[in-house]
């Protein structure tokens, strides 16, 4: 069972989520919030697997709420504004639903979350490289770099090129992998050195944007 909550300042939008969620037997949405601060209080006291989160809300945006919560859960953003898509994936969003969305699209997002939760219990995944399928161990994966239509997965002893997007691969990665730059996802628990515009991991210097710096700092500097 996937335990979830939904946060949106528009009651009609929450009603749509409630109707869609009622059709999925393994999804249980426990609370619906129009008040983002009430949702934050709930998250501090309760554990959930998933939040459906609007971005453009009064007082606090969904992106700021996510930063403040620091919870261990999957996020599916729901918004009427497509321009937030890139930034949402920098927060390792499982999916991004553009309003109005139909049940089929909602179900696809939930299935992504289900797969990601399953992967979190395992310590590896497979990617296709050419005509082969290569096993990638999470503990060995240092970072992922975008190279045109491909992603380069750099491990401690090798690198693998696969034809995937950041959106596709983010659904297979555990929470410690963060998109810290438009072209990079990195394993945050292996960071050796953090600077304002770059992070070092196993001798590799990875460029990071300001958002990536703040997220990494909150994790690696206790």
C-alpha atoms as a PDB file:
ATOM      1  CA  UNK A   1       0.000   0.000   0.000  1.00  0.00           C
ATOM      2  CA  UNK A   2       1.239   3.470  -0.937  1.00  0.00           C
ATOM      3  CA  UNK A   3       0.342   5.972   1.803  1.00  0.00           C
ATOM      4  CA  UNK A   4      -0.074   9.499   0.490  1.00  0.00           C
ATOM      5  CA  UNK A   5      -1.345  13.013   1.126  1.00  0.00           C
ATOM      6  CA  UNK A   6      -2.393  15.721  -1.339  1.00  0.00           C
ATOM      7  CA  UNK A   7      -1.703  19.452  -1.011  1.00  0.00           C
ATOM      8  CA  UNK A   8      -3.397  22.069  -3.183  1.00  0.00           C
ATOM      9  CA  UNK A   9      -4.988  25.424  -2.364  1.00  0.00           C
ATOM     10  CA  UNK A  10      -7.861  24.646  -4.763  1.00  0.00           C
ATOM     11  CA  UNK A  11     -10.495  22.254  -3.331  1.00  0.00           C
ATOM     12  CA  UNK A  12     -11.632  21.312  -6.854  1.00  0.00           C
ATOM     13  CA  UNK A  13      -8.110  20.106  -7.672  1.00  0.00           C
ATOM     14  CA  UNK A  14      -8.067  17.982  -4.526  1.00  0.00           C
ATOM     15  CA  UNK A  15     -11.434  16.516  -5.492  1.00  0.00           C
ATOM     16  CA  UNK A  16      -9.975  15.379  -8.828  1.00  0.00           C
ATOM     17  CA  UNK A  17      -7.098  13.655  -7.023  1.00  0.00           C
ATOM     18  CA  UNK A  18      -9.544  12.033  -4.596  1.00  0.00           C
ATOM     19  CA  UNK A  19     -11.662  10.667  -7.460  1.00  0.00           C
ATOM     20  CA  UNK A  20      -8.640   9.312  -9.322  1.00  0.00           C
ATOM     21  CA  UNK A  21      -7.062   7.834  -6.186  1.00  0.00           C
ATOM     22  CA  UNK A  22     -10.283   6.000  -5.265  1.00  0.00           C
ATOM     23  CA  UNK A  23      -9.843   3.850  -8.381  1.00  0.00           C
ATOM     24  CA  UNK A  24      -6.372   2.588  -7.407  1.00  0.00           C
ATOM     25  CA  UNK A  25      -6.572  -0.184  -4.766  1.00  0.00           C
ATOM     26  CA  UNK A  26      -2.946   0.068  -3.622  1.00  0.00           C
ATOM     27  CA  UNK A  27      -3.057   3.858  -3.121  1.00  0.00           C
ATOM     28  CA  UNK A  28      -4.363   5.318   0.131  1.00  0.00           C
ATOM     29  CA  UNK A  29      -4.545   9.124   0.322  1.00  0.00           C
ATOM     30  CA  UNK A  30      -4.823   9.753   4.051  1.00  0.00           C
ATOM     31  CA  UNK A  31      -5.292  13.531   4.111  1.00  0.00           C
ATOM     32  CA  UNK A  32      -6.148  16.359   1.714  1.00  0.00           C
ATOM     33  CA  UNK A  33      -4.799  19.827   2.554  1.00  0.00           C
ATOM     34  CA  UNK A  34      -5.656  23.284   1.212  1.00  0.00           C
ATOM     35  CA  UNK A  35      -3.451  24.786   3.950  1.00  0.00           C
ATOM     36  CA  UNK A  36       0.214  24.161   3.140  1.00  0.00           C
ATOM     37  CA  UNK A  37       1.363  24.887   6.701  1.00  0.00           C
ATOM     38  CA  UNK A  38      -1.086  22.357   8.118  1.00  0.00           C
ATOM     39  CA  UNK A  39       0.396  19.854   5.666  1.00  0.00           C
ATOM     40  CA  UNK A  40       3.907  20.681   6.868  1.00  0.00           C
ATOM     41  CA  UNK A  41       2.832  20.064  10.455  1.00  0.00           C
ATOM     42  CA  UNK A  42       1.337  16.725   9.427  1.00  0.00           C
ATOM     43  CA  UNK A  43       4.536  15.684   7.652  1.00  0.00           C
ATOM     44  CA  UNK A  44       6.591  16.455  10.746  1.00  0.00           C
ATOM     45  CA  UNK A  45       4.513  14.017  12.772  1.00  0.00           C
ATOM     46  CA  UNK A  46       3.583  11.342  10.233  1.00  0.00           C
ATOM     47  CA  UNK A  47       5.384   9.190   7.673  1.00  0.00           C
ATOM     48  CA  UNK A  48       4.021   8.933   4.143  1.00  0.00           C
ATOM     49  CA  UNK A  49       5.332   7.373   0.950  1.00  0.00           C
ATOM     50  CA  UNK A  50       4.063  10.013  -1.460  1.00  0.00           C
ATOM     51  CA  UNK A  51       2.764  13.564  -1.645  1.00  0.00           C
ATOM     52  CA  UNK A  52       0.793  15.089  -4.489  1.00  0.00           C
ATOM     53  CA  UNK A  53       1.913  18.705  -4.387  1.00  0.00           C
ATOM     54  CA  UNK A  54       0.708  21.837  -6.140  1.00  0.00           C
ATOM     55  CA  UNK A  55       3.472  24.329  -6.924  1.00  0.00           C
ATOM     56  CA  UNK A  56       1.771  27.703  -7.254  1.00  0.00           C
ATOM     57  CA  UNK A  57       0.140  28.276  -3.838  1.00  0.00           C
ATOM     58  CA  UNK A  58      -0.287  31.414  -1.705  1.00  0.00           C
ATOM     59  CA  UNK A  59       2.105  32.096   1.211  1.00  0.00           C
ATOM     60  CA  UNK A  60       4.450  29.226   0.330  1.00  0.00           C
ATOM     61  CA  UNK A  61       5.114  27.516  -2.996  1.00  0.00           C
ATOM     62  CA  UNK A  62       5.159  23.768  -3.343  1.00  0.00           C
ATOM     63  CA  UNK A  63       8.885  23.896  -4.070  1.00  0.00           C
ATOM     64  CA  UNK A  64       9.548  25.840  -0.855  1.00  0.00           C
ATOM     65  CA  UNK A  65       7.324  23.467   1.096  1.00  0.00           C
ATOM     66  CA  UNK A  66       9.375  20.559  -0.192  1.00  0.00           C
ATOM     67  CA  UNK A  67      12.594  22.222   0.963  1.00  0.00           C
ATOM     68  CA  UNK A  68      11.124  22.893   4.403  1.00  0.00           C
ATOM     69  CA  UNK A  69       9.744  19.411   4.931  1.00  0.00           C
ATOM     70  CA  UNK A  70      12.986  17.435   4.389  1.00  0.00           C
ATOM     71  CA  UNK A  71      10.915  14.270   4.445  1.00  0.00           C
ATOM     72  CA  UNK A  72      11.699  10.849   3.013  1.00  0.00           C
ATOM     73  CA  UNK A  73       8.890  10.488   0.487  1.00  0.00           C
ATOM     74  CA  UNK A  74       8.201  10.551  -3.236  1.00  0.00           C
ATOM     75  CA  UNK A  75       6.722  13.676  -4.829  1.00  0.00           C
ATOM     76  CA  UNK A  76       4.330  14.073  -7.736  1.00  0.00           C
ATOM     77  CA  UNK A  77       3.902  17.737  -8.613  1.00  0.00           C
ATOM     78  CA  UNK A  78       0.502  18.914  -9.822  1.00  0.00           C
ATOM     79  CA  UNK A  79       0.302  22.329 -11.459  1.00  0.00           C
ATOM     80  CA  UNK A  80      -1.242  24.351 -14.255  1.00  0.00           C
ATOM     81  CA  UNK A  81       2.134  25.858 -15.168  1.00  0.00           C
ATOM     82  CA  UNK A  82       4.474  23.911 -17.437  1.00  0.00           C
ATOM     83  CA  UNK A  83       7.425  26.248 -16.808  1.00  0.00           C
ATOM     84  CA  UNK A  84       8.089  24.591 -13.434  1.00  0.00           C
ATOM     85  CA  UNK A  85       8.827  21.202 -14.993  1.00  0.00           C
ATOM     86  CA  UNK A  86      12.626  21.464 -15.153  1.00  0.00           C
ATOM     87  CA  UNK A  87      12.932  22.781 -11.606  1.00  0.00           C
ATOM     88  CA  UNK A  88      10.625  20.063 -10.289  1.00  0.00           C
ATOM     89  CA  UNK A  89      12.941  17.324 -11.574  1.00  0.00           C
ATOM     90  CA  UNK A  90      15.870  19.023  -9.871  1.00  0.00           C
ATOM     91  CA  UNK A  91      13.979  18.106  -6.700  1.00  0.00           C
ATOM     92  CA  UNK A  92      13.931  14.463  -7.840  1.00  0.00           C
ATOM     93  CA  UNK A  93      10.203  14.547  -8.463  1.00  0.00           C
ATOM     94  CA  UNK A  94       8.797  11.183  -9.463  1.00  0.00           C
ATOM     95  CA  UNK A  95       6.475  12.863 -11.944  1.00  0.00           C
ATOM     96  CA  UNK A  96       4.912  16.156 -13.002  1.00  0.00           C
ATOM     97  CA  UNK A  97       1.186  16.325 -13.744  1.00  0.00           C
ATOM     98  CA  UNK A  98      -0.003  19.282 -15.772  1.00  0.00           C
ATOM     99  CA  UNK A  99      -3.588  20.274 -14.934  1.00  0.00           C
ATOM    100  CA  UNK A 100      -6.110  19.214 -16.035  1.00  0.00           C
ATOM    101  CA  UNK A 101      -4.947  15.582 -16.026  1.00  0.00           C
ATOM    102  CA  UNK A 102      -7.002  12.488 -16.770  1.00  0.00           C
ATOM    103  CA  UNK A 103      -7.043   9.251 -14.770  1.00  0.00           C
ATOM    104  CA  UNK A 104      -4.704   7.459 -17.189  1.00  0.00           C
ATOM    105  CA  UNK A 105      -1.974  10.061 -16.693  1.00  0.00           C
ATOM    106  CA  UNK A 106      -2.529  10.030 -12.923  1.00  0.00           C
ATOM    107  CA  UNK A 107      -2.216   6.239 -12.852  1.00  0.00           C
ATOM    108  CA  UNK A 108       1.030   6.404 -14.827  1.00  0.00           C
ATOM    109  CA  UNK A 109       2.496   8.758 -12.210  1.00  0.00           C
ATOM    110  CA  UNK A 110       1.439   6.477  -9.363  1.00  0.00           C
ATOM    111  CA  UNK A 111       2.976   3.467 -11.125  1.00  0.00           C
ATOM    112  CA  UNK A 112       6.259   5.369 -11.400  1.00  0.00           C
ATOM    113  CA  UNK A 113       6.152   5.945  -7.657  1.00  0.00           C
ATOM    114  CA  UNK A 114       5.367   2.289  -7.022  1.00  0.00           C
ATOM    115  CA  UNK A 115       8.372   1.235  -9.094  1.00  0.00           C
ATOM    116  CA  UNK A 116      10.615   3.771  -7.380  1.00  0.00           C
ATOM    117  CA  UNK A 117       9.569   2.548  -3.939  1.00  0.00           C
ATOM    118  CA  UNK A 118      10.310  -0.996  -5.060  1.00  0.00           C
ATOM    119  CA  UNK A 119      13.745   0.028  -6.350  1.00  0.00           C
ATOM    120  CA  UNK A 120      14.507   1.696  -3.025  1.00  0.00           C
ATOM    121  CA  UNK A 121      14.321  -1.749  -1.422  1.00  0.00           C
ATOM    122  CA  UNK A 122      16.866  -3.138  -3.889  1.00  0.00           C
ATOM    123  CA  UNK A 123      20.496  -2.170  -4.354  1.00  0.00           C
ATOM    124  CA  UNK A 124      20.744  -2.182  -8.154  1.00  0.00           C
ATOM    125  CA  UNK A 125      18.930  -1.617 -11.434  1.00  0.00           C
ATOM    126  CA  UNK A 126      19.556  -2.383 -15.121  1.00  0.00           C
ATOM    127  CA  UNK A 127      20.051  -0.022 -18.055  1.00  0.00           C
ATOM    128  CA  UNK A 128      20.222  -0.818 -21.750  1.00  0.00           C
ATOM    129  CA  UNK A 129      23.492   0.044 -23.457  1.00  0.00           C
ATOM    130  CA  UNK A 130      23.568  -0.847 -27.129  1.00  0.00           C
ATOM    131  CA  UNK A 131      22.291  -4.422 -27.336  1.00  0.00           C
ATOM    132  CA  UNK A 132      23.210  -5.244 -23.733  1.00  0.00           C
ATOM    133  CA  UNK A 133      21.581  -4.741 -20.354  1.00  0.00           C
ATOM    134  CA  UNK A 134      24.063  -3.574 -17.739  1.00  0.00           C
ATOM    135  CA  UNK A 135      23.576  -3.984 -14.001  1.00  0.00           C
ATOM    136  CA  UNK A 136      24.264  -0.758 -12.080  1.00  0.00           C
ATOM    137  CA  UNK A 137      24.846  -1.022  -8.335  1.00  0.00           C
ATOM    138  CA  UNK A 138      23.616   2.043  -6.440  1.00  0.00           C
ATOM    139  CA  UNK A 139      26.573   1.919  -4.054  1.00  0.00           C
ATOM    140  CA  UNK A 140      29.031   2.109  -6.984  1.00  0.00           C
ATOM    141  CA  UNK A 141      27.207   4.807  -8.981  1.00  0.00           C
ATOM    142  CA  UNK A 142      28.929   8.167  -8.514  1.00  0.00           C
ATOM    143  CA  UNK A 143      27.029  10.446 -10.860  1.00  0.00           C
ATOM    144  CA  UNK A 144      25.045  10.645 -14.084  1.00  0.00           C
ATOM    145  CA  UNK A 145      25.893  13.146 -16.806  1.00  0.00           C
ATOM    146  CA  UNK A 146      23.650  14.210 -19.671  1.00  0.00           C
ATOM    147  CA  UNK A 147      25.327  13.938 -23.085  1.00  0.00           C
ATOM    148  CA  UNK A 148      22.889  14.911 -25.830  1.00  0.00           C
ATOM    149  CA  UNK A 149      20.266  12.184 -26.172  1.00  0.00           C
ATOM    150  CA  UNK A 150      22.235   9.910 -23.847  1.00  0.00           C
ATOM    151  CA  UNK A 151      23.113   9.616 -20.186  1.00  0.00           C
ATOM    152  CA  UNK A 152      26.577   8.636 -19.004  1.00  0.00           C
ATOM    153  CA  UNK A 153      26.470   6.623 -15.769  1.00  0.00           C
ATOM    154  CA  UNK A 154      29.829   6.909 -14.033  1.00  0.00           C
ATOM    155  CA  UNK A 155      30.684   4.233 -11.471  1.00  0.00           C
ATOM    156  CA  UNK A 156      33.848   3.753  -9.446  1.00  0.00           C
ATOM    157  CA  UNK A 157      35.412   1.379 -11.981  1.00  0.00           C
ATOM    158  CA  UNK A 158      33.578   2.048 -15.269  1.00  0.00           C
ATOM    159  CA  UNK A 159      31.083   4.212 -17.134  1.00  0.00           C
ATOM    160  CA  UNK A 160      28.015   3.187 -19.150  1.00  0.00           C
ATOM    161  CA  UNK A 161      26.210   5.095 -21.895  1.00  0.00           C
ATOM    162  CA  UNK A 162      22.446   4.634 -22.185  1.00  0.00           C
ATOM    163  CA  UNK A 163      19.776   6.317 -24.291  1.00  0.00           C
ATOM    164  CA  UNK A 164      17.519   7.692 -21.545  1.00  0.00           C
ATOM    165  CA  UNK A 165      16.304  11.026 -20.219  1.00  0.00           C
ATOM    166  CA  UNK A 166      16.785  12.379 -16.703  1.00  0.00           C
ATOM    167  CA  UNK A 167      13.038  12.051 -16.195  1.00  0.00           C
ATOM    168  CA  UNK A 168      13.127   8.356 -17.084  1.00  0.00           C
ATOM    169  CA  UNK A 169      16.101   7.458 -14.930  1.00  0.00           C
ATOM    170  CA  UNK A 170      15.078   9.525 -11.897  1.00  0.00           C
ATOM    171  CA  UNK A 171      12.175   7.128 -11.360  1.00  0.00           C
ATOM    172  CA  UNK A 172      14.667   4.291 -10.787  1.00  0.00           C
ATOM    173  CA  UNK A 173      16.981   6.024  -8.330  1.00  0.00           C
ATOM    174  CA  UNK A 174      16.789   6.156  -4.513  1.00  0.00           C
ATOM    175  CA  UNK A 175      16.484   9.476  -2.694  1.00  0.00           C
ATOM    176  CA  UNK A 176      20.215  10.019  -2.167  1.00  0.00           C
ATOM    177  CA  UNK A 177      20.630  10.679  -5.909  1.00  0.00           C
ATOM    178  CA  UNK A 178      19.990  14.365  -6.584  1.00  0.00           C
ATOM    179  CA  UNK A 179      19.874  16.454  -9.723  1.00  0.00           C
ATOM    180  CA  UNK A 180      22.272  19.239  -8.756  1.00  0.00           C
ATOM    181  CA  UNK A 181      22.659  20.762 -12.227  1.00  0.00           C
ATOM    182  CA  UNK A 182      20.725  20.687 -15.461  1.00  0.00           C
ATOM    183  CA  UNK A 183      23.177  18.071 -16.771  1.00  0.00           C
ATOM    184  CA  UNK A 184      24.099  16.132 -13.624  1.00  0.00           C
ATOM    185  CA  UNK A 185      22.601  13.799 -11.042  1.00  0.00           C
ATOM    186  CA  UNK A 186      24.966  12.759  -8.270  1.00  0.00           C
ATOM    187  CA  UNK A 187      25.120  10.377  -5.309  1.00  0.00           C
ATOM    188  CA  UNK A 188      24.893  12.793  -2.378  1.00  0.00           C
ATOM    189  CA  UNK A 189      26.183  10.346   0.234  1.00  0.00           C
ATOM    190  CA  UNK A 190      29.522  10.040  -1.586  1.00  0.00           C
ATOM    191  CA  UNK A 191      30.331  13.774  -1.679  1.00  0.00           C
ATOM    192  CA  UNK A 192      33.921  14.382  -0.538  1.00  0.00           C
ATOM    193  CA  UNK A 193      34.078  18.160  -0.916  1.00  0.00           C
ATOM    194  CA  UNK A 194      31.373  20.801  -1.361  1.00  0.00           C
ATOM    195  CA  UNK A 195      32.025  24.243  -2.814  1.00  0.00           C
ATOM    196  CA  UNK A 196      29.692  27.006  -3.970  1.00  0.00           C
ATOM    197  CA  UNK A 197      29.681  25.993  -7.620  1.00  0.00           C
ATOM    198  CA  UNK A 198      30.951  22.414  -7.583  1.00  0.00           C
ATOM    199  CA  UNK A 199      31.107  19.214  -5.575  1.00  0.00           C
ATOM    200  CA  UNK A 200      33.848  16.592  -5.594  1.00  0.00           C
ATOM    201  CA  UNK A 201      33.038  12.901  -5.650  1.00  0.00           C
ATOM    202  CA  UNK A 202      35.754  10.246  -6.038  1.00  0.00           C
ATOM    203  CA  UNK A 203      38.049  12.871  -7.553  1.00  0.00           C
ATOM    204  CA  UNK A 204      35.441  14.068 -10.096  1.00  0.00           C
ATOM    205  CA  UNK A 205      34.446  17.725  -9.923  1.00  0.00           C
ATOM    206  CA  UNK A 206      30.721  18.095 -10.610  1.00  0.00           C
ATOM    207  CA  UNK A 207      29.225  21.521 -11.422  1.00  0.00           C
ATOM    208  CA  UNK A 208      26.227  22.407  -9.245  1.00  0.00           C
ATOM    209  CA  UNK A 209      23.687  25.210  -9.400  1.00  0.00           C
ATOM    210  CA  UNK A 210      22.619  27.311  -6.406  1.00  0.00           C
ATOM    211  CA  UNK A 211      19.642  25.076  -5.678  1.00  0.00           C
ATOM    212  CA  UNK A 212      21.844  21.980  -5.804  1.00  0.00           C
ATOM    213  CA  UNK A 213      24.341  23.611  -3.455  1.00  0.00           C
ATOM    214  CA  UNK A 214      21.686  24.370  -0.836  1.00  0.00           C
ATOM    215  CA  UNK A 215      20.206  20.874  -1.018  1.00  0.00           C
ATOM    216  CA  UNK A 216      23.600  19.197  -0.746  1.00  0.00           C
ATOM    217  CA  UNK A 217      24.659  21.472   2.107  1.00  0.00           C
ATOM    218  CA  UNK A 218      21.568  20.518   4.095  1.00  0.00           C
ATOM    219  CA  UNK A 219      22.535  16.845   3.795  1.00  0.00           C
ATOM    220  CA  UNK A 220      26.324  16.613   3.848  1.00  0.00           C
ATOM    221  CA  UNK A 221      26.933  19.300   6.517  1.00  0.00           C
ATOM    222  CA  UNK A 222      25.395  18.081   9.747  1.00  0.00           C
END
